[in-house]
Amino acid sequence: MAFLEVAVLPLRAVQAIFSIIVLGLTAYVVDSYAYWWSWDSVDFMLFCSIWTILAVLYLVLTPSRFPAAAHKYAILGVEALTMIFWFAAWVAVASLWGKIRCGSQGGVCGAGTAAIVFSAFIWLAFVATTVVAALHVRRTARADTSAPPQMQGV
């Protein structure tokens, strides 16, 4: 588990960069259908990318700049909630893409397929960081509410 603790900051970078990529891809898909309607699952994926940018900012900045706001249970909650959001988003859009038989032939279908793939990788990154946060909560005393040590010097 020591590897995961060292890899938290690079995983945060992956989470942020991939989230920006998914933001662009899903915005393209939503904009393509904005005149008539938009799929709820794609809209949710767009929300997840915006949420993730805010969550990563919180998870990176609070332990070093605002330690009073870096409660270990709050960090675990943000990690777990974001992980659940991404799982729901990529599964819902993948299910939709299968229903409408939208493959990766380019255009809107290709953008949606790429968004699904990047979303799955974001979900895996959040699985790893959620495990690190959960292990920190488990290893520390109940009265110790500090952030994980690997994030305090960032």
Protein backbone atom coordinates (compact mmCIF):
# COMPACT_ATOMS: atom_id res chain seq x y z
CA MET A 1 0.00 0.00 0.00
CA ALA A 2 3.04 2.30 0.29
CA PHE A 3 3.06 2.70 -3.51
CA LEU A 4 -0.46 4.14 -3.45
CA GLU A 5 0.43 6.63 -0.75
CA VAL A 6 3.35 7.91 -2.84
CA ALA A 7 1.23 8.00 -6.00
CA VAL A 8 -1.56 10.19 -4.57
CA LEU A 9 -0.33 13.48 -6.06
CA PRO A 10 0.25 12.05 -9.56
CA LEU A 11 -3.20 10.45 -9.34
CA ARG A 12 -4.64 13.87 -8.49
CA ALA A 13 -3.05 15.24 -11.66
CA VAL A 14 -4.56 12.39 -13.68
CA GLN A 15 -7.95 13.01 -12.09
CA ALA A 16 -7.83 16.72 -12.94
CA ILE A 17 -6.49 16.37 -16.49
CA PHE A 18 -8.84 13.54 -17.44
CA SER A 19 -11.73 15.43 -15.90
CA ILE A 20 -10.97 18.44 -18.10
CA ILE A 21 -10.83 16.12 -21.13
CA VAL A 22 -14.21 14.60 -20.20
CA LEU A 23 -15.59 18.10 -19.66
CA GLY A 24 -14.69 19.03 -23.24
CA LEU A 25 -15.97 15.77 -24.73
CA THR A 26 -19.29 15.79 -22.90
CA ALA A 27 -19.78 19.50 -23.59
CA TYR A 28 -19.39 18.69 -27.29
CA VAL A 29 -21.97 15.89 -27.05
CA VAL A 30 -24.42 18.05 -25.09
CA ASP A 31 -23.93 20.98 -27.48
CA SER A 32 -24.59 18.75 -30.49
CA TYR A 33 -28.08 17.98 -29.20
CA ALA A 34 -28.78 21.19 -27.27
CA TYR A 35 -31.35 22.48 -29.77
CA TRP A 36 -33.76 19.63 -29.09
CA TRP A 37 -32.77 17.75 -25.96
CA SER A 38 -29.86 16.17 -24.17
CA TRP A 39 -29.43 12.79 -22.53
CA ASP A 40 -29.58 12.91 -18.74
CA SER A 41 -26.67 10.51 -18.35
CA VAL A 42 -24.41 12.68 -20.51
CA ASP A 43 -25.53 15.73 -18.55
CA PHE A 44 -24.61 13.88 -15.35
CA MET A 45 -21.16 13.06 -16.74
CA LEU A 46 -20.71 16.76 -17.51
CA PHE A 47 -21.66 17.54 -13.90
CA CYS A 48 -19.17 14.91 -12.65
CA SER A 49 -16.31 16.55 -14.51
CA ILE A 50 -17.10 19.96 -13.00
CA TRP A 51 -17.57 18.39 -9.56
CA THR A 52 -14.21 16.63 -9.89
CA ILE A 53 -12.34 19.82 -10.69
CA LEU A 54 -13.75 21.37 -7.51
CA ALA A 55 -13.14 18.19 -5.48
CA VAL A 56 -9.51 17.90 -6.62
CA LEU A 57 -8.95 21.54 -5.71
CA TYR A 58 -10.34 20.81 -2.23
CA LEU A 59 -8.35 17.59 -1.85
CA VAL A 60 -5.06 19.19 -2.91
CA LEU A 61 -5.31 22.62 -1.32
CA THR A 62 -6.96 22.07 2.06
CA PRO A 63 -4.37 19.80 3.72
CA SER A 64 -1.56 22.29 3.17
CA ARG A 65 -3.31 25.68 3.02
CA PHE A 66 -6.44 25.21 5.16
CA PRO A 67 -5.73 22.35 7.60
CA ALA A 68 -8.82 23.11 9.68
CA ALA A 69 -10.98 22.20 6.66
CA ALA A 70 -9.00 19.02 5.94
CA HIS A 71 -10.87 16.71 8.30
CA LYS A 72 -10.04 13.09 7.52
CA TYR A 73 -13.71 12.08 7.34
CA ALA A 74 -14.50 14.99 5.01
CA ILE A 75 -11.66 13.95 2.72
CA LEU A 76 -12.86 10.35 2.76
CA GLY A 77 -16.42 11.51 2.06
CA VAL A 78 -15.41 13.65 -0.92
CA GLU A 79 -13.26 10.81 -2.27
CA ALA A 80 -15.99 8.19 -1.91
CA LEU A 81 -18.76 10.42 -3.28
CA THR A 82 -16.69 11.35 -6.32
CA MET A 83 -15.80 7.70 -6.91
CA ILE A 84 -19.50 6.75 -6.82
CA PHE A 85 -20.39 9.64 -9.15
CA TRP A 86 -17.85 8.53 -11.75
CA PHE A 87 -18.92 4.89 -11.58
CA ALA A 88 -22.55 5.88 -12.11
CA ALA A 89 -21.64 8.27 -14.92
CA TRP A 90 -19.54 5.98 -17.08
CA VAL A 91 -21.85 3.01 -16.61
CA ALA A 92 -24.93 5.09 -17.50
CA VAL A 93 -23.38 6.59 -20.62
CA ALA A 94 -21.96 3.23 -21.70
CA SER A 95 -25.41 1.71 -21.31
CA LEU A 96 -26.92 4.54 -23.35
CA TRP A 97 -24.30 4.19 -26.07
CA GLY A 98 -25.05 0.47 -26.27
CA LYS A 99 -28.80 1.09 -26.51
CA ILE A 100 -28.55 3.60 -29.32
CA ARG A 101 -25.83 1.53 -31.02
CA CYS A 102 -23.42 4.41 -31.01
CA GLY A 103 -19.92 3.09 -31.50
CA SER A 104 -16.69 4.95 -32.07
CA GLN A 105 -17.20 5.98 -35.69
CA GLY A 106 -16.35 9.62 -34.98
CA GLY A 107 -18.24 12.80 -34.34
CA VAL A 108 -20.64 12.73 -31.41
CA CYS A 109 -20.45 8.94 -31.08
CA GLY A 110 -16.65 9.00 -30.97
CA ALA A 111 -16.62 11.82 -28.44
CA GLY A 112 -19.09 9.94 -26.23
CA THR A 113 -17.06 6.74 -26.46
CA ALA A 114 -13.86 8.60 -25.56
CA ALA A 115 -15.67 10.23 -22.61
CA ILE A 116 -16.73 6.77 -21.38
CA VAL A 117 -13.14 5.49 -21.53
CA PHE A 118 -11.66 8.51 -19.77
CA SER A 119 -14.43 8.36 -17.16
CA ALA A 120 -13.61 4.75 -16.38
CA PHE A 121 -9.96 5.71 -15.82
CA ILE A 122 -11.01 8.59 -13.57
CA TRP A 123 -13.16 6.16 -11.59
CA LEU A 124 -10.17 3.82 -11.17
CA ALA A 125 -8.01 6.72 -9.99
CA PHE A 126 -10.64 7.62 -7.41
CA VAL A 127 -10.89 3.98 -6.29
CA ALA A 128 -7.15 4.10 -5.52
CA THR A 129 -7.26 7.43 -3.67
CA THR A 130 -10.39 6.42 -1.77
CA VAL A 131 -8.59 3.29 -0.58
CA VAL A 132 -5.67 5.43 0.62
CA ALA A 133 -8.04 7.79 2.47
CA ALA A 134 -9.95 4.88 4.02
CA LEU A 135 -6.73 3.25 5.18
CA HIS A 136 -5.65 6.55 6.74
CA VAL A 137 -8.95 6.78 8.64
CA ARG A 138 -8.58 3.18 9.78
CA ARG A 139 -4.95 3.57 10.91
CA THR A 140 -5.33 6.80 12.86
CA ALA A 141 -6.91 7.30 16.24
CA ARG A 142 -10.52 8.43 16.33
CA ALA A 143 -9.58 11.80 17.86
CA ASP A 144 -6.92 12.44 15.18
CA THR A 145 -8.77 14.34 12.46
CA SER A 146 -5.77 15.44 10.42
CA ALA A 147 -5.40 14.90 6.70
CA PRO A 148 -3.31 12.03 5.35
CA PRO A 149 0.41 12.82 5.84
CA GLN A 150 1.27 12.44 2.14
CA MET A 151 -0.92 15.46 1.35
CA GLN A 152 0.21 17.85 4.10
CA GLY A 153 3.33 19.16 2.39
CA VAL A 154 1.78 19.79 -1.01
